[in-house]
N, C-alpha and C. Protein backbone atom coordinates (compact mmCIF):
# COMPACT_ATOMS: atom_id res chain seq x y z
N MET A 1 -9.61 17.33 14.75
CA MET A 1 -9.86 18.65 14.15
C MET A 1 -10.34 19.57 15.25
N SER A 2 -9.94 20.75 15.23
CA SER A 2 -10.29 21.69 16.25
C SER A 2 -11.80 22.12 16.04
N GLU A 3 -12.40 22.62 17.11
CA GLU A 3 -13.78 23.02 17.06
C GLU A 3 -13.98 24.20 16.08
N ARG A 4 -12.92 25.03 16.12
CA ARG A 4 -12.98 26.22 15.23
C ARG A 4 -12.98 25.81 13.72
N LEU A 5 -12.16 24.87 13.44
CA LEU A 5 -12.03 24.33 12.03
C LEU A 5 -13.35 23.62 11.65
N LYS A 6 -13.85 22.83 12.60
CA LYS A 6 -15.18 22.14 12.28
C LYS A 6 -16.29 23.13 12.07
N SER A 7 -16.27 24.16 12.84
CA SER A 7 -17.27 25.25 12.71
C SER A 7 -17.17 25.92 11.33
N PHE A 8 -15.91 26.15 10.95
CA PHE A 8 -15.65 26.76 9.60
C PHE A 8 -16.24 25.89 8.46
N PHE A 9 -15.95 24.59 8.52
CA PHE A 9 -16.40 23.71 7.46
C PHE A 9 -17.93 23.57 7.51
N ARG A 10 -18.54 23.54 8.67
CA ARG A 10 -19.91 23.46 8.81
C ARG A 10 -20.65 24.68 8.19
N LYS A 11 -20.06 25.84 8.43
CA LYS A 11 -20.66 27.07 7.85
C LYS A 11 -20.41 27.10 6.36
N ALA A 12 -19.27 26.56 5.95
CA ALA A 12 -19.04 26.54 4.47
C ALA A 12 -20.04 25.64 3.78
N ARG A 13 -20.30 24.46 4.41
CA ARG A 13 -21.31 23.54 3.82
C ARG A 13 -22.67 24.13 3.74
N GLU A 14 -22.99 25.06 4.62
CA GLU A 14 -24.27 25.70 4.69
C GLU A 14 -24.39 26.73 3.62
N ASN A 15 -23.30 27.21 3.06
CA ASN A 15 -23.27 28.24 2.05
C ASN A 15 -23.70 27.62 0.76
N PRO A 16 -24.70 28.15 0.08
CA PRO A 16 -25.19 27.60 -1.17
C PRO A 16 -24.09 27.60 -2.32
N GLU A 17 -23.30 28.69 -2.34
CA GLU A 17 -22.31 28.83 -3.40
C GLU A 17 -21.19 27.71 -3.19
N TYR A 18 -20.86 27.50 -1.90
CA TYR A 18 -19.84 26.45 -1.65
C TYR A 18 -20.40 25.08 -2.03
N ARG A 19 -21.62 24.79 -1.70
CA ARG A 19 -22.24 23.48 -2.04
C ARG A 19 -22.25 23.33 -3.60
N LYS A 20 -22.61 24.38 -4.27
CA LYS A 20 -22.62 24.31 -5.74
C LYS A 20 -21.29 23.95 -6.36
N LYS A 21 -20.25 24.63 -5.87
CA LYS A 21 -18.89 24.38 -6.36
C LYS A 21 -18.38 22.97 -6.01
N ALA A 22 -18.78 22.57 -4.75
CA ALA A 22 -18.32 21.26 -4.31
C ALA A 22 -18.99 20.14 -5.16
N ARG A 23 -20.26 20.30 -5.47
CA ARG A 23 -20.92 19.33 -6.34
C ARG A 23 -20.28 19.31 -7.70
N MET A 24 -20.02 20.45 -8.27
CA MET A 24 -19.42 20.55 -9.58
C MET A 24 -18.10 19.87 -9.63
N ALA A 25 -17.28 20.09 -8.59
CA ALA A 25 -15.97 19.55 -8.48
C ALA A 25 -16.04 18.02 -8.33
N ALA A 26 -17.00 17.60 -7.55
CA ALA A 26 -17.12 16.17 -7.30
C ALA A 26 -17.51 15.37 -8.52
N VAL A 27 -18.48 15.94 -9.34
CA VAL A 27 -18.91 15.28 -10.53
C VAL A 27 -17.79 15.25 -11.62
N SER A 28 -17.11 16.37 -11.75
CA SER A 28 -16.03 16.40 -12.74
C SER A 28 -14.85 15.47 -12.27
N ALA A 29 -14.54 15.42 -11.01
CA ALA A 29 -13.52 14.45 -10.57
C ALA A 29 -13.92 13.04 -10.78
N ASP A 30 -15.14 12.71 -10.55
CA ASP A 30 -15.61 11.31 -10.85
C ASP A 30 -15.51 11.02 -12.38
N LEU A 31 -15.85 11.99 -13.17
CA LEU A 31 -15.75 11.74 -14.61
C LEU A 31 -14.29 11.58 -15.05
N ARG A 32 -13.38 12.33 -14.50
CA ARG A 32 -11.96 12.23 -14.83
C ARG A 32 -11.46 10.84 -14.37
N ILE A 33 -11.97 10.39 -13.19
CA ILE A 33 -11.50 9.05 -12.77
C ILE A 33 -12.09 7.95 -13.73
N LEU A 34 -13.29 8.12 -14.15
CA LEU A 34 -13.92 7.19 -15.10
C LEU A 34 -13.04 7.08 -16.36
N ILE A 35 -12.61 8.23 -16.89
CA ILE A 35 -11.80 8.25 -18.07
C ILE A 35 -10.48 7.54 -17.79
N ALA A 36 -9.84 7.82 -16.67
CA ALA A 36 -8.57 7.15 -16.37
C ALA A 36 -8.76 5.68 -16.13
N GLU A 37 -9.82 5.28 -15.51
CA GLU A 37 -10.10 3.82 -15.25
C GLU A 37 -10.30 3.16 -16.61
N LYS A 38 -10.92 3.79 -17.59
CA LYS A 38 -11.15 3.19 -18.89
C LYS A 38 -9.83 3.05 -19.66
N GLY A 39 -8.84 3.84 -19.27
CA GLY A 39 -7.50 3.76 -19.93
C GLY A 39 -7.47 4.54 -21.24
N VAL A 40 -8.31 5.53 -21.36
CA VAL A 40 -8.30 6.39 -22.62
C VAL A 40 -7.95 7.79 -22.23
N SER A 41 -7.56 8.58 -23.22
CA SER A 41 -7.26 9.95 -22.91
C SER A 41 -8.43 10.87 -23.04
N GLN A 42 -8.39 12.04 -22.45
CA GLN A 42 -9.51 13.03 -22.61
C GLN A 42 -9.63 13.40 -24.06
N LYS A 43 -8.54 13.39 -24.76
CA LYS A 43 -8.57 13.75 -26.18
C LYS A 43 -9.44 12.77 -26.97
N GLU A 44 -9.24 11.46 -26.67
CA GLU A 44 -10.05 10.38 -27.32
C GLU A 44 -11.51 10.50 -26.99
N VAL A 45 -11.82 10.80 -25.72
CA VAL A 45 -13.19 10.93 -25.27
C VAL A 45 -13.82 12.14 -25.97
N ALA A 46 -13.08 13.27 -26.06
CA ALA A 46 -13.59 14.45 -26.68
C ALA A 46 -13.91 14.21 -28.13
N LYS A 47 -13.04 13.47 -28.84
CA LYS A 47 -13.20 13.17 -30.23
C LYS A 47 -14.46 12.30 -30.43
N SER A 48 -14.70 11.30 -29.55
CA SER A 48 -15.83 10.39 -29.69
C SER A 48 -17.14 11.09 -29.36
N ILE A 49 -17.15 12.21 -28.61
CA ILE A 49 -18.40 12.85 -28.34
C ILE A 49 -18.59 14.17 -29.20
N GLY A 50 -17.67 14.38 -30.11
CA GLY A 50 -17.75 15.51 -31.03
C GLY A 50 -17.46 16.83 -30.35
N MET A 51 -16.52 16.83 -29.45
CA MET A 51 -16.16 18.04 -28.73
C MET A 51 -14.65 18.27 -28.87
N SER A 52 -14.22 19.50 -28.75
CA SER A 52 -12.77 19.80 -28.77
C SER A 52 -12.14 19.34 -27.47
N PRO A 53 -10.88 18.87 -27.52
CA PRO A 53 -10.17 18.53 -26.29
C PRO A 53 -10.24 19.67 -25.24
N ALA A 54 -10.06 20.87 -25.71
CA ALA A 54 -10.07 21.99 -24.78
C ALA A 54 -11.45 22.20 -24.18
N GLY A 55 -12.49 21.94 -24.95
CA GLY A 55 -13.88 22.08 -24.38
C GLY A 55 -14.12 21.01 -23.38
N LEU A 56 -13.68 19.78 -23.59
CA LEU A 56 -13.90 18.74 -22.58
C LEU A 56 -13.06 19.04 -21.34
N SER A 57 -11.82 19.51 -21.54
CA SER A 57 -10.93 19.87 -20.39
C SER A 57 -11.64 20.95 -19.57
N ARG A 58 -12.24 21.92 -20.24
CA ARG A 58 -12.92 23.02 -19.59
C ARG A 58 -14.09 22.47 -18.79
N GLN A 59 -14.86 21.55 -19.34
CA GLN A 59 -15.99 20.95 -18.60
C GLN A 59 -15.50 20.13 -17.45
N LEU A 60 -14.33 19.47 -17.56
CA LEU A 60 -13.88 18.57 -16.47
C LEU A 60 -13.03 19.37 -15.45
N SER A 61 -12.93 20.69 -15.65
CA SER A 61 -12.07 21.45 -14.74
C SER A 61 -12.65 21.57 -13.32
N GLY A 62 -13.98 21.32 -13.25
CA GLY A 62 -14.59 21.46 -11.93
C GLY A 62 -15.27 22.85 -11.79
N SER A 63 -15.05 23.73 -12.67
CA SER A 63 -15.66 25.07 -12.58
C SER A 63 -16.79 25.23 -13.60
N ALA A 64 -16.86 24.31 -14.57
CA ALA A 64 -17.92 24.43 -15.57
C ALA A 64 -19.24 23.76 -15.07
N ASN A 65 -20.34 24.26 -15.47
CA ASN A 65 -21.62 23.67 -15.10
C ASN A 65 -21.98 22.54 -16.08
N LEU A 66 -21.68 21.33 -15.72
CA LEU A 66 -21.96 20.21 -16.58
C LEU A 66 -23.49 19.94 -16.66
N THR A 67 -23.98 19.65 -17.82
CA THR A 67 -25.41 19.35 -17.97
C THR A 67 -25.61 17.79 -17.93
N LEU A 68 -26.82 17.39 -17.71
CA LEU A 68 -27.08 15.99 -17.74
C LEU A 68 -26.77 15.35 -19.11
N GLU A 69 -26.96 16.22 -20.17
CA GLU A 69 -26.68 15.77 -21.52
C GLU A 69 -25.18 15.52 -21.71
N SER A 70 -24.34 16.50 -21.21
CA SER A 70 -22.91 16.31 -21.37
C SER A 70 -22.37 15.17 -20.55
N ILE A 71 -22.86 14.97 -19.32
CA ILE A 71 -22.46 13.84 -18.51
C ILE A 71 -22.87 12.55 -19.23
N GLY A 72 -24.09 12.48 -19.78
CA GLY A 72 -24.54 11.32 -20.53
C GLY A 72 -23.62 11.00 -21.68
N LYS A 73 -23.26 12.02 -22.48
CA LYS A 73 -22.34 11.79 -23.59
C LYS A 73 -20.99 11.18 -23.16
N ILE A 74 -20.48 11.73 -22.12
CA ILE A 74 -19.18 11.22 -21.65
C ILE A 74 -19.36 9.75 -21.15
N CYS A 75 -20.43 9.51 -20.39
CA CYS A 75 -20.66 8.12 -19.96
C CYS A 75 -20.87 7.16 -21.12
N ASP A 76 -21.61 7.65 -22.14
CA ASP A 76 -21.80 6.78 -23.36
C ASP A 76 -20.49 6.46 -24.04
N ALA A 77 -19.62 7.44 -24.12
CA ALA A 77 -18.32 7.22 -24.71
C ALA A 77 -17.47 6.29 -23.95
N LEU A 78 -17.66 6.18 -22.67
CA LEU A 78 -16.93 5.25 -21.81
C LEU A 78 -17.61 3.95 -21.51
N GLY A 79 -18.80 3.82 -22.07
CA GLY A 79 -19.57 2.54 -21.84
C GLY A 79 -20.10 2.49 -20.45
N LYS A 80 -20.41 3.57 -19.85
CA LYS A 80 -20.89 3.66 -18.45
C LYS A 80 -22.33 4.26 -18.41
N GLU A 81 -22.95 4.10 -17.31
CA GLU A 81 -24.25 4.75 -17.01
C GLU A 81 -24.11 5.47 -15.72
N PHE A 82 -24.96 6.40 -15.52
CA PHE A 82 -24.91 7.19 -14.28
C PHE A 82 -26.32 7.31 -13.68
N ASP A 83 -26.33 7.51 -12.36
CA ASP A 83 -27.58 7.71 -11.59
C ASP A 83 -27.43 8.95 -10.77
N ILE A 84 -28.54 9.52 -10.42
CA ILE A 84 -28.53 10.61 -9.48
C ILE A 84 -29.16 10.07 -8.18
N VAL A 85 -28.43 10.17 -7.09
CA VAL A 85 -28.83 9.61 -5.82
C VAL A 85 -29.14 10.79 -4.88
N PHE A 86 -30.31 10.75 -4.33
CA PHE A 86 -30.71 11.84 -3.38
C PHE A 86 -30.53 11.23 -1.93
N ARG A 87 -30.03 12.14 -1.06
CA ARG A 87 -29.78 11.68 0.30
C ARG A 87 -29.92 12.92 1.24
N ASN A 88 -30.02 12.64 2.50
CA ASN A 88 -30.06 13.76 3.51
C ASN A 88 -28.72 14.48 3.40
N ALA A 89 -28.77 15.73 3.76
CA ALA A 89 -27.54 16.58 3.67
C ALA A 89 -26.52 16.06 4.64
N ASP A 90 -26.86 15.45 5.76
CA ASP A 90 -25.93 14.97 6.78
C ASP A 90 -25.31 13.64 6.37
N ASP A 91 -25.95 12.88 5.44
CA ASP A 91 -25.45 11.51 5.08
C ASP A 91 -24.22 11.64 4.20
N GLN A 92 -23.38 10.59 4.37
CA GLN A 92 -22.26 10.52 3.50
C GLN A 92 -22.68 10.14 2.07
N ARG A 93 -21.92 10.54 1.12
CA ARG A 93 -22.29 10.21 -0.26
C ARG A 93 -21.99 8.76 -0.51
N ALA A 94 -22.70 8.17 -1.47
CA ALA A 94 -22.45 6.76 -1.80
C ALA A 94 -21.13 6.63 -2.50
N LEU A 95 -20.46 5.53 -2.22
CA LEU A 95 -19.13 5.30 -2.86
C LEU A 95 -19.34 4.88 -4.27
N GLN A 96 -18.41 5.33 -5.11
CA GLN A 96 -18.40 4.94 -6.50
C GLN A 96 -17.81 3.53 -6.57
N ALA A 97 -18.03 2.85 -7.65
CA ALA A 97 -17.58 1.44 -7.83
C ALA A 97 -16.12 1.31 -7.61
N TRP A 98 -15.33 2.27 -8.16
CA TRP A 98 -13.85 2.18 -8.01
C TRP A 98 -13.42 2.42 -6.58
N GLU A 99 -14.19 3.17 -5.82
CA GLU A 99 -13.81 3.46 -4.43
C GLU A 99 -14.00 2.16 -3.64
N ARG A 100 -15.07 1.43 -3.86
CA ARG A 100 -15.30 0.19 -3.10
C ARG A 100 -14.29 -0.87 -3.55
N ARG A 101 -14.09 -0.99 -4.83
CA ARG A 101 -13.21 -1.96 -5.36
C ARG A 101 -11.79 -1.74 -4.98
N SER A 102 -11.34 -0.55 -5.12
CA SER A 102 -9.92 -0.28 -4.76
C SER A 102 -9.66 -0.40 -3.29
N TYR A 103 -10.67 -0.15 -2.41
CA TYR A 103 -10.46 -0.32 -1.03
C TYR A 103 -10.31 -1.73 -0.71
N SER A 104 -11.24 -2.56 -1.23
CA SER A 104 -11.13 -4.02 -0.87
C SER A 104 -9.94 -4.69 -1.52
N THR A 105 -9.60 -4.20 -2.74
CA THR A 105 -8.40 -4.70 -3.45
C THR A 105 -7.17 -4.31 -2.71
N ASP A 106 -7.08 -3.06 -2.23
CA ASP A 106 -5.86 -2.67 -1.49
C ASP A 106 -5.79 -3.37 -0.23
N VAL A 107 -6.87 -3.56 0.48
CA VAL A 107 -6.91 -4.27 1.78
C VAL A 107 -6.38 -5.66 1.55
N LEU A 108 -6.93 -6.33 0.56
CA LEU A 108 -6.55 -7.72 0.35
C LEU A 108 -5.06 -7.80 -0.12
N ARG A 109 -4.62 -6.84 -0.96
CA ARG A 109 -3.25 -6.83 -1.43
C ARG A 109 -2.31 -6.62 -0.24
N LEU A 110 -2.67 -5.65 0.65
CA LEU A 110 -1.82 -5.37 1.77
C LEU A 110 -1.80 -6.54 2.74
N ARG A 111 -2.95 -7.19 2.91
CA ARG A 111 -3.04 -8.36 3.80
C ARG A 111 -2.15 -9.47 3.32
N ASN A 112 -2.22 -9.74 2.00
CA ASN A 112 -1.43 -10.76 1.42
C ASN A 112 0.07 -10.44 1.49
N GLU A 113 0.40 -9.17 1.24
CA GLU A 113 1.78 -8.75 1.38
C GLU A 113 2.27 -8.95 2.82
N ALA A 114 1.40 -8.60 3.80
CA ALA A 114 1.81 -8.73 5.13
C ALA A 114 1.98 -10.15 5.56
N LEU A 115 1.07 -11.05 5.09
CA LEU A 115 1.19 -12.43 5.35
C LEU A 115 2.51 -13.02 4.72
N GLY A 116 2.79 -12.58 3.48
CA GLY A 116 3.98 -13.02 2.84
C GLY A 116 5.24 -12.59 3.57
N GLN A 117 5.24 -11.35 4.02
CA GLN A 117 6.33 -10.79 4.75
C GLN A 117 6.51 -11.47 6.12
N ALA A 118 5.36 -11.83 6.71
CA ALA A 118 5.40 -12.51 8.02
C ALA A 118 6.00 -13.90 7.84
N ALA A 119 5.58 -14.55 6.75
CA ALA A 119 6.15 -15.89 6.47
C ALA A 119 7.61 -15.82 6.16
N GLN A 120 8.01 -14.80 5.39
CA GLN A 120 9.45 -14.60 5.11
C GLN A 120 10.23 -14.33 6.37
N ALA A 121 9.70 -13.46 7.23
CA ALA A 121 10.35 -13.15 8.49
C ALA A 121 10.47 -14.36 9.38
N LYS A 122 9.43 -15.16 9.40
CA LYS A 122 9.50 -16.38 10.22
C LYS A 122 10.57 -17.37 9.72
N ALA A 123 10.54 -17.55 8.33
CA ALA A 123 11.62 -18.41 7.74
C ALA A 123 13.01 -17.86 8.00
N LEU A 124 13.13 -16.52 7.90
CA LEU A 124 14.45 -15.95 8.12
C LEU A 124 14.91 -16.11 9.58
N LEU A 125 13.98 -15.95 10.50
CA LEU A 125 14.24 -16.12 11.93
C LEU A 125 14.62 -17.59 12.18
N GLU A 126 13.85 -18.51 11.68
CA GLU A 126 14.17 -19.97 11.85
C GLU A 126 15.54 -20.28 11.27
N THR A 127 15.85 -19.73 10.13
CA THR A 127 17.17 -19.97 9.51
C THR A 127 18.27 -19.42 10.41
N ALA A 128 18.04 -18.16 10.87
CA ALA A 128 19.07 -17.55 11.76
C ALA A 128 19.28 -18.37 13.03
N ILE A 129 18.17 -18.87 13.58
CA ILE A 129 18.31 -19.72 14.82
C ILE A 129 19.08 -20.99 14.52
N LEU A 130 18.75 -21.58 13.33
CA LEU A 130 19.47 -22.82 12.99
C LEU A 130 20.95 -22.57 12.70
N VAL A 131 21.28 -21.50 12.00
CA VAL A 131 22.68 -21.18 11.78
C VAL A 131 23.36 -20.92 13.13
N HIS A 132 22.71 -20.19 14.00
CA HIS A 132 23.30 -19.84 15.32
C HIS A 132 23.58 -21.19 16.07
N ARG A 133 22.63 -22.08 16.13
CA ARG A 133 22.78 -23.32 16.85
C ARG A 133 23.91 -24.12 16.24
N ARG A 134 23.97 -24.25 14.95
CA ARG A 134 25.05 -24.95 14.29
C ARG A 134 26.39 -24.39 14.54
N SER A 135 26.47 -23.04 14.47
CA SER A 135 27.83 -22.39 14.74
C SER A 135 28.17 -22.58 16.21
N TRP A 136 27.24 -22.44 17.13
CA TRP A 136 27.50 -22.65 18.57
C TRP A 136 27.93 -24.08 18.82
N HIS A 137 27.24 -25.05 18.17
CA HIS A 137 27.61 -26.44 18.35
C HIS A 137 29.03 -26.71 17.75
N ALA A 138 29.33 -26.16 16.61
CA ALA A 138 30.62 -26.30 15.97
C ALA A 138 31.73 -25.68 16.88
N ALA A 139 31.41 -24.53 17.49
CA ALA A 139 32.41 -23.96 18.40
C ALA A 139 32.63 -24.78 19.59
N GLN A 140 31.60 -25.40 20.12
CA GLN A 140 31.69 -26.24 21.31
C GLN A 140 32.58 -27.48 20.94
N VAL A 141 32.33 -28.11 19.83
CA VAL A 141 33.07 -29.27 19.40
C VAL A 141 34.50 -28.85 19.19
N GLN A 142 34.75 -27.72 18.57
CA GLN A 142 36.13 -27.26 18.27
C GLN A 142 36.83 -26.95 19.59
N ARG A 143 36.20 -26.33 20.57
CA ARG A 143 36.76 -26.09 21.81
C ARG A 143 37.15 -27.31 22.58
N LYS A 144 36.26 -28.37 22.51
CA LYS A 144 36.57 -29.60 23.14
C LYS A 144 37.78 -30.27 22.49
N GLN A 145 37.83 -30.18 21.22
CA GLN A 145 38.99 -30.76 20.48
C GLN A 145 40.27 -30.09 20.83
N VAL A 146 40.25 -28.71 20.92
CA VAL A 146 41.39 -27.98 21.25
C VAL A 146 41.81 -28.29 22.67
N THR A 147 40.80 -28.36 23.64
CA THR A 147 41.11 -28.65 24.98
C THR A 147 41.68 -30.08 25.19
N CYS A 148 41.05 -31.02 24.53
CA CYS A 148 41.50 -32.36 24.59
C CYS A 148 42.95 -32.52 24.00
N GLY A 149 43.20 -31.81 22.88
CA GLY A 149 44.45 -31.89 22.24
C GLY A 149 45.52 -31.23 23.16
N ALA A 150 45.22 -30.15 23.77
CA ALA A 150 46.15 -29.48 24.66
C ALA A 150 46.43 -30.34 25.85
N ASN A 151 45.39 -30.97 26.39
CA ASN A 151 45.62 -31.78 27.52
C ASN A 151 46.42 -33.04 27.19
N LEU A 152 46.14 -33.58 25.98
CA LEU A 152 46.88 -34.75 25.48
C LEU A 152 48.34 -34.39 25.31
N LYS A 153 48.66 -33.20 24.65
CA LYS A 153 50.02 -32.77 24.50
C LYS A 153 50.65 -32.52 25.87
N LYS A 154 49.97 -31.87 26.75
CA LYS A 154 50.49 -31.56 28.10
C LYS A 154 50.81 -32.88 28.81
N SER A 155 49.86 -33.79 28.74
CA SER A 155 50.07 -35.10 29.46
C SER A 155 51.28 -35.80 28.84
N THR A 156 51.31 -35.79 27.55
CA THR A 156 52.41 -36.46 26.85
C THR A 156 53.73 -35.80 27.29
N TRP A 157 53.79 -34.56 27.30
CA TRP A 157 55.00 -33.78 27.66
C TRP A 157 55.37 -34.04 29.10
N THR A 158 54.32 -34.05 29.98
CA THR A 158 54.56 -34.32 31.38
C THR A 158 55.11 -35.73 31.57
N LEU A 159 54.41 -36.64 30.85
CA LEU A 159 54.83 -38.01 30.95
C LEU A 159 56.27 -38.15 30.51
N SER A 160 56.56 -37.54 29.43
CA SER A 160 57.93 -37.62 28.93
C SER A 160 58.94 -37.04 29.90
N ASN A 161 58.60 -35.98 30.56
CA ASN A 161 59.52 -35.39 31.51
C ASN A 161 59.62 -36.30 32.76
N ASP A 162 58.54 -36.88 33.13
CA ASP A 162 58.61 -37.87 34.26
C ASP A 162 59.43 -39.07 33.90
N THR A 163 59.21 -39.52 32.69
CA THR A 163 59.95 -40.65 32.26
C THR A 163 61.45 -40.29 32.19
N LEU A 164 61.72 -39.06 31.72
CA LEU A 164 63.15 -38.64 31.64
C LEU A 164 63.67 -38.50 33.06
N ALA A 165 62.92 -37.99 33.99
CA ALA A 165 63.41 -37.70 35.32
C ALA A 165 63.60 -39.07 36.05
N ALA A 166 62.72 -40.04 35.75
CA ALA A 166 62.85 -41.34 36.42
C ALA A 166 63.97 -42.06 35.82
N ALA A 167 64.22 -41.88 34.56
CA ALA A 167 65.31 -42.57 33.91
C ALA A 167 66.68 -41.98 34.34
N ALA A 168 66.70 -40.80 34.75
CA ALA A 168 67.95 -40.13 35.16
C ALA A 168 68.32 -40.56 36.49
């Protein structure tokens, strides 16, 4: 990233209005992910907390100011709890459970896929080598048979001509 762009983001993070909007967007995004992870619709969550689907959608838009009470109601409906973690402004935020889980799950899945593909590639290569060796060997045997047959026919023909010439 260019220094100019880094400077822009640094200044934006120093702006209180930017930080406020970023926090609101992050919390609402995390809540939307929780709802998706639970496998329920926003409409179902809204009904269980006594709110209209439009009202919940407005709160989860990232522009509404969520209260601790509304966050708590949503978490209760999903069977979840929430904490507020304080950290230095320079520190990275703590990962959510699904961020840690999906990362390790994805890494393991990709690792296993790669190992499986490597095993498949090795088996395919070994099969190709075996087929190549067999076809090369078969071609050599066939060439020897053709050569021997041609020599045998040539010898027989030559012998016959010699015999004919000697007999004449």
